[in-house]
N, C-alpha and C. Protein backbone atom coordinates (compact mmCIF):
# COMPACT_ATOMS: atom_id res chain seq x y z
N UNK A 1 -11.36 -0.27 11.64
CA UNK A 1 -11.79 -0.27 10.26
C UNK A 1 -11.39 -1.62 9.64
N UNK A 2 -12.31 -2.24 8.92
CA UNK A 2 -11.99 -3.53 8.31
C UNK A 2 -11.39 -3.33 6.92
N UNK A 3 -10.93 -4.43 6.33
CA UNK A 3 -10.22 -4.34 5.05
C UNK A 3 -11.13 -3.82 3.92
N UNK A 4 -12.40 -4.20 3.93
CA UNK A 4 -13.31 -3.75 2.87
C UNK A 4 -13.54 -2.24 2.93
N UNK A 5 -13.70 -1.69 4.13
CA UNK A 5 -13.88 -0.24 4.27
C UNK A 5 -12.63 0.51 3.83
N UNK A 6 -11.49 0.02 4.25
CA UNK A 6 -10.22 0.64 3.89
C UNK A 6 -10.03 0.60 2.37
N UNK A 7 -10.29 -0.55 1.78
CA UNK A 7 -10.17 -0.72 0.33
C UNK A 7 -11.08 0.27 -0.40
N UNK A 8 -12.32 0.37 0.04
CA UNK A 8 -13.27 1.29 -0.60
C UNK A 8 -12.75 2.72 -0.57
N UNK A 9 -12.22 3.15 0.56
CA UNK A 9 -11.68 4.51 0.68
C UNK A 9 -10.52 4.73 -0.28
N UNK A 10 -9.63 3.76 -0.37
CA UNK A 10 -8.47 3.90 -1.25
C UNK A 10 -8.91 3.92 -2.72
N UNK A 11 -9.81 3.01 -3.09
CA UNK A 11 -10.32 2.97 -4.47
C UNK A 11 -10.97 4.30 -4.85
N UNK A 12 -11.83 4.82 -3.98
CA UNK A 12 -12.52 6.09 -4.27
C UNK A 12 -11.52 7.22 -4.44
N UNK A 13 -10.55 7.30 -3.56
CA UNK A 13 -9.54 8.37 -3.66
C UNK A 13 -8.74 8.24 -4.95
N UNK A 14 -8.33 7.03 -5.29
CA UNK A 14 -7.50 6.81 -6.48
C UNK A 14 -8.30 7.01 -7.77
N UNK A 15 -9.60 6.74 -7.73
CA UNK A 15 -10.45 6.97 -8.90
C UNK A 15 -10.62 8.46 -9.16
N UNK A 16 -10.75 9.24 -8.09
CA UNK A 16 -10.92 10.68 -8.25
C UNK A 16 -9.68 11.32 -8.83
N UNK A 17 -8.51 10.90 -8.34
CA UNK A 17 -7.26 11.46 -8.82
C UNK A 17 -6.11 10.58 -8.32
N UNK A 18 -5.18 10.29 -9.22
CA UNK A 18 -4.00 9.52 -8.81
C UNK A 18 -3.25 10.30 -7.74
N UNK A 19 -2.61 9.59 -6.83
CA UNK A 19 -1.86 10.24 -5.76
C UNK A 19 -0.59 9.46 -5.49
N UNK A 20 0.34 10.10 -4.80
CA UNK A 20 1.60 9.45 -4.47
C UNK A 20 1.76 9.34 -2.97
N UNK A 21 2.20 8.16 -2.53
CA UNK A 21 2.50 7.91 -1.12
C UNK A 21 3.80 7.12 -1.08
N UNK A 22 4.28 6.82 0.12
CA UNK A 22 5.53 6.09 0.22
C UNK A 22 5.38 4.82 1.04
N UNK A 23 6.35 3.94 0.85
CA UNK A 23 6.40 2.71 1.63
C UNK A 23 6.71 3.06 3.08
N UNK A 24 6.52 2.11 3.97
CA UNK A 24 6.77 2.33 5.40
C UNK A 24 7.72 1.25 5.94
N UNK A 25 9.01 1.38 5.61
CA UNK A 25 9.97 0.37 6.07
C UNK A 25 10.04 0.30 7.59
N UNK A 26 10.24 -0.90 8.12
CA UNK A 26 10.39 -1.09 9.56
C UNK A 26 11.85 -0.99 9.98
N UNK A 27 12.75 -0.99 9.00
CA UNK A 27 14.17 -0.86 9.31
C UNK A 27 14.61 0.57 8.97
N UNK A 28 15.88 0.79 8.82
CA UNK A 28 16.37 2.15 8.57
C UNK A 28 16.43 2.51 7.10
N UNK A 29 15.82 1.71 6.26
CA UNK A 29 15.78 2.02 4.83
C UNK A 29 14.97 3.28 4.58
N UNK A 30 15.33 3.96 3.50
CA UNK A 30 14.59 5.16 3.11
C UNK A 30 13.28 4.75 2.44
N UNK A 31 12.17 5.38 2.80
CA UNK A 31 10.90 5.06 2.14
C UNK A 31 10.97 5.36 0.65
N UNK A 32 10.28 4.57 -0.15
CA UNK A 32 10.21 4.78 -1.59
C UNK A 32 8.80 5.23 -1.96
N UNK A 33 8.73 6.22 -2.83
CA UNK A 33 7.45 6.76 -3.25
C UNK A 33 6.88 5.96 -4.42
N UNK A 34 5.56 5.92 -4.50
CA UNK A 34 4.89 5.27 -5.62
C UNK A 34 3.56 5.96 -5.88
N UNK A 35 3.09 5.84 -7.13
CA UNK A 35 1.83 6.46 -7.56
C UNK A 35 0.72 5.41 -7.50
N UNK A 36 -0.45 5.86 -7.05
CA UNK A 36 -1.62 4.98 -6.92
C UNK A 36 -2.74 5.53 -7.79
N UNK A 37 -3.28 4.70 -8.65
CA UNK A 37 -4.47 5.05 -9.43
C UNK A 37 -5.41 3.84 -9.40
N UNK A 38 -6.57 3.98 -10.02
CA UNK A 38 -7.54 2.88 -9.96
C UNK A 38 -8.40 2.85 -11.21
N UNK A 39 -8.80 1.64 -11.60
CA UNK A 39 -9.77 1.47 -12.68
C UNK A 39 -11.18 1.25 -12.11
N UNK A 40 -11.32 1.40 -10.79
CA UNK A 40 -12.60 1.19 -10.13
C UNK A 40 -12.71 -0.14 -9.43
N UNK A 41 -11.93 -1.11 -9.88
CA UNK A 41 -11.94 -2.44 -9.26
C UNK A 41 -10.59 -2.83 -8.68
N UNK A 42 -9.54 -2.31 -9.25
CA UNK A 42 -8.18 -2.65 -8.84
C UNK A 42 -7.39 -1.38 -8.56
N UNK A 43 -6.36 -1.52 -7.75
CA UNK A 43 -5.41 -0.43 -7.57
C UNK A 43 -4.25 -0.67 -8.53
N UNK A 44 -3.77 0.40 -9.12
CA UNK A 44 -2.67 0.32 -10.07
C UNK A 44 -1.50 1.09 -9.46
N UNK A 45 -0.40 0.39 -9.25
CA UNK A 45 0.79 0.96 -8.62
C UNK A 45 1.84 1.19 -9.70
N UNK A 46 2.37 2.41 -9.75
CA UNK A 46 3.42 2.72 -10.72
C UNK A 46 4.46 3.62 -10.07
N UNK A 47 5.51 3.91 -10.82
CA UNK A 47 6.58 4.76 -10.30
C UNK A 47 6.04 6.15 -9.97
N UNK A 48 6.59 6.74 -8.94
CA UNK A 48 6.22 8.11 -8.58
C UNK A 48 6.80 9.06 -9.63
N UNK A 49 6.09 10.12 -9.90
CA UNK A 49 6.57 11.13 -10.84
C UNK A 49 6.93 12.43 -10.16
N UNK A 50 6.38 12.64 -8.96
CA UNK A 50 6.56 13.92 -8.28
C UNK A 50 7.47 13.85 -7.07
N UNK A 51 7.79 12.65 -6.60
CA UNK A 51 8.60 12.49 -5.39
C UNK A 51 9.76 11.54 -5.64
N UNK A 52 10.84 11.76 -4.91
CA UNK A 52 11.99 10.86 -4.95
C UNK A 52 12.39 10.52 -3.54
N UNK A 53 13.00 9.37 -3.32
CA UNK A 53 13.25 8.34 -4.33
C UNK A 53 11.98 7.56 -4.64
N UNK A 54 11.88 7.15 -5.88
CA UNK A 54 10.70 6.41 -6.34
C UNK A 54 10.99 4.92 -6.41
N UNK A 55 9.96 4.13 -6.22
CA UNK A 55 10.07 2.70 -6.50
C UNK A 55 10.43 2.53 -7.97
N UNK A 56 11.18 1.53 -8.28
CA UNK A 56 11.55 1.25 -9.67
C UNK A 56 10.67 0.13 -10.18
N UNK A 57 9.72 0.50 -11.00
CA UNK A 57 8.78 -0.48 -11.56
C UNK A 57 8.81 -0.38 -13.08
N UNK A 58 9.17 -1.45 -13.74
CA UNK A 58 9.19 -1.45 -15.21
C UNK A 58 7.77 -1.47 -15.79
N UNK A 59 6.88 -2.18 -15.11
CA UNK A 59 5.47 -2.21 -15.51
C UNK A 59 4.63 -1.98 -14.26
N UNK A 60 3.45 -1.39 -14.42
CA UNK A 60 2.59 -1.16 -13.25
C UNK A 60 2.21 -2.48 -12.57
N UNK A 61 2.00 -2.40 -11.28
CA UNK A 61 1.52 -3.55 -10.50
C UNK A 61 0.03 -3.37 -10.28
N UNK A 62 -0.70 -4.44 -10.38
CA UNK A 62 -2.15 -4.42 -10.18
C UNK A 62 -2.45 -5.14 -8.86
N UNK A 63 -3.22 -4.48 -7.99
CA UNK A 63 -3.60 -5.07 -6.71
C UNK A 63 -5.12 -5.24 -6.68
N UNK A 64 -5.55 -6.46 -6.43
CA UNK A 64 -6.99 -6.75 -6.31
C UNK A 64 -7.39 -6.68 -4.84
N UNK A 65 -8.69 -6.63 -4.60
CA UNK A 65 -9.16 -6.65 -3.22
C UNK A 65 -8.74 -7.95 -2.54
N UNK A 66 -8.81 -9.06 -3.26
CA UNK A 66 -8.46 -10.35 -2.66
C UNK A 66 -7.01 -10.34 -2.15
N UNK A 67 -6.12 -9.77 -2.94
CA UNK A 67 -4.72 -9.69 -2.51
C UNK A 67 -4.57 -8.75 -1.31
N UNK A 68 -5.23 -7.60 -1.38
CA UNK A 68 -5.21 -6.63 -0.29
C UNK A 68 -5.74 -7.25 0.99
N UNK A 69 -6.86 -7.96 0.88
CA UNK A 69 -7.51 -8.58 2.03
C UNK A 69 -6.63 -9.67 2.66
N UNK A 70 -5.85 -10.34 1.85
CA UNK A 70 -4.95 -11.39 2.33
C UNK A 70 -3.81 -10.81 3.17
N UNK A 71 -3.34 -9.61 2.83
CA UNK A 71 -2.20 -8.98 3.51
C UNK A 71 -2.65 -8.13 4.70
N UNK A 72 -3.84 -7.58 4.63
CA UNK A 72 -4.35 -6.66 5.66
C UNK A 72 -4.16 -7.16 7.10
N UNK A 73 -4.47 -8.42 7.44
CA UNK A 73 -4.34 -8.86 8.84
C UNK A 73 -2.91 -8.83 9.37
N UNK A 74 -1.94 -8.82 8.48
CA UNK A 74 -0.54 -8.83 8.92
C UNK A 74 -0.03 -7.44 9.29
N UNK A 75 -0.76 -6.40 8.90
CA UNK A 75 -0.29 -5.03 9.12
C UNK A 75 -0.02 -4.75 10.61
N UNK A 76 -0.98 -5.05 11.47
CA UNK A 76 -0.80 -4.79 12.91
C UNK A 76 0.30 -5.65 13.51
N UNK A 77 0.40 -6.90 13.07
CA UNK A 77 1.47 -7.77 13.57
C UNK A 77 2.83 -7.17 13.23
N UNK A 78 2.96 -6.67 12.02
CA UNK A 78 4.20 -6.05 11.58
C UNK A 78 4.52 -4.81 12.41
N UNK A 79 3.51 -3.98 12.64
CA UNK A 79 3.72 -2.77 13.44
C UNK A 79 4.15 -3.09 14.86
N UNK A 80 3.71 -4.23 15.37
CA UNK A 80 4.08 -4.64 16.73
C UNK A 80 5.45 -5.29 16.77
N UNK A 81 6.11 -5.38 15.62
CA UNK A 81 7.47 -5.89 15.57
C UNK A 81 7.61 -7.38 15.34
N UNK A 82 6.52 -8.06 15.04
CA UNK A 82 6.61 -9.50 14.78
C UNK A 82 7.31 -9.74 13.45
N UNK A 83 8.10 -10.78 13.40
CA UNK A 83 8.86 -11.13 12.21
C UNK A 83 7.99 -11.97 11.28
N UNK A 84 7.37 -11.30 10.32
CA UNK A 84 6.42 -11.99 9.43
C UNK A 84 6.75 -11.78 7.96
N UNK A 85 7.82 -11.07 7.66
CA UNK A 85 8.08 -10.67 6.27
C UNK A 85 8.20 -11.84 5.31
N UNK A 86 8.85 -12.93 5.69
CA UNK A 86 8.97 -14.06 4.77
C UNK A 86 7.62 -14.72 4.52
N UNK A 87 6.85 -14.90 5.57
CA UNK A 87 5.52 -15.52 5.43
C UNK A 87 4.62 -14.68 4.53
N UNK A 88 4.60 -13.37 4.77
CA UNK A 88 3.74 -12.48 4.00
C UNK A 88 4.28 -12.33 2.58
N UNK A 89 5.59 -12.31 2.44
CA UNK A 89 6.19 -12.19 1.12
C UNK A 89 5.79 -13.32 0.19
N UNK A 90 5.51 -14.47 0.73
CA UNK A 90 5.05 -15.60 -0.09
C UNK A 90 3.61 -15.41 -0.55
N UNK A 91 2.86 -14.57 0.12
CA UNK A 91 1.45 -14.35 -0.22
C UNK A 91 1.28 -13.29 -1.31
N UNK A 92 2.23 -12.34 -1.39
CA UNK A 92 2.09 -11.24 -2.34
C UNK A 92 3.44 -10.59 -2.62
N UNK A 93 3.62 -10.20 -3.88
CA UNK A 93 4.81 -9.42 -4.24
C UNK A 93 4.56 -7.93 -4.04
N UNK A 94 3.36 -7.57 -3.63
CA UNK A 94 2.98 -6.17 -3.46
C UNK A 94 2.85 -5.76 -2.00
N UNK A 95 3.42 -6.55 -1.11
CA UNK A 95 3.26 -6.31 0.32
C UNK A 95 3.69 -4.91 0.74
N UNK A 96 4.84 -4.45 0.27
CA UNK A 96 5.33 -3.12 0.66
C UNK A 96 4.36 -2.02 0.25
N UNK A 97 3.75 -2.17 -0.93
CA UNK A 97 2.79 -1.17 -1.40
C UNK A 97 1.49 -1.25 -0.59
N UNK A 98 1.05 -2.44 -0.29
CA UNK A 98 -0.17 -2.61 0.50
C UNK A 98 0.02 -2.03 1.90
N UNK A 99 1.16 -2.30 2.53
CA UNK A 99 1.43 -1.70 3.84
C UNK A 99 1.44 -0.18 3.75
N UNK A 100 2.03 0.37 2.70
CA UNK A 100 2.04 1.82 2.52
C UNK A 100 0.64 2.39 2.38
N UNK A 101 -0.21 1.69 1.63
CA UNK A 101 -1.60 2.13 1.45
C UNK A 101 -2.36 2.12 2.77
N UNK A 102 -2.20 1.04 3.53
CA UNK A 102 -2.89 0.93 4.82
C UNK A 102 -2.41 2.03 5.76
N UNK A 103 -1.10 2.21 5.85
CA UNK A 103 -0.54 3.23 6.75
C UNK A 103 -1.03 4.61 6.37
N UNK A 104 -1.12 4.90 5.09
CA UNK A 104 -1.55 6.22 4.63
C UNK A 104 -2.97 6.51 5.10
N UNK A 105 -3.88 5.57 4.95
CA UNK A 105 -5.27 5.78 5.37
C UNK A 105 -5.37 5.87 6.88
N UNK A 106 -4.72 4.96 7.59
CA UNK A 106 -4.81 4.97 9.05
C UNK A 106 -4.17 6.21 9.65
N UNK A 107 -3.07 6.67 9.08
CA UNK A 107 -2.44 7.91 9.55
C UNK A 107 -3.35 9.11 9.31
N UNK A 108 -4.03 9.10 8.16
CA UNK A 108 -4.96 10.18 7.83
C UNK A 108 -6.08 10.24 8.85
N UNK A 109 -6.60 9.08 9.24
CA UNK A 109 -7.69 9.03 10.23
C UNK A 109 -7.21 9.44 11.62
N UNK A 110 -5.97 9.15 11.95
CA UNK A 110 -5.47 9.51 13.28
C UNK A 110 -5.24 11.01 13.40
N UNK A 111 -5.11 11.70 12.25
CA UNK A 111 -4.92 13.16 12.28
C UNK A 111 -6.25 13.90 12.38
N UNK A 112 -7.35 13.21 12.08
CA UNK A 112 -8.67 13.87 12.10
C UNK A 112 -9.16 14.11 13.50
């Protein structure tokens, strides 16, 4: 699945109803939950209300497709254990949320 297809699925789901998912740390850190909603063009990330522990966000984060598309290619490299966090961190402050979004969709498809 390419980044545009994945993005479309996430946008559609978030437009229908906000949902909560968690980050996917590669170390032994505890995953943090966050809420995902959409205005139809962007994803809006905010603190979780139904799950703990929640990400601590003073203001919602907005993720555009361009930002999502920039981080998407790094997801598989990260899963394979490559050390890319500093490089990717310079590209986006929303990397942890984008990885969580990608993992959520791909895990959902692997269960089907």
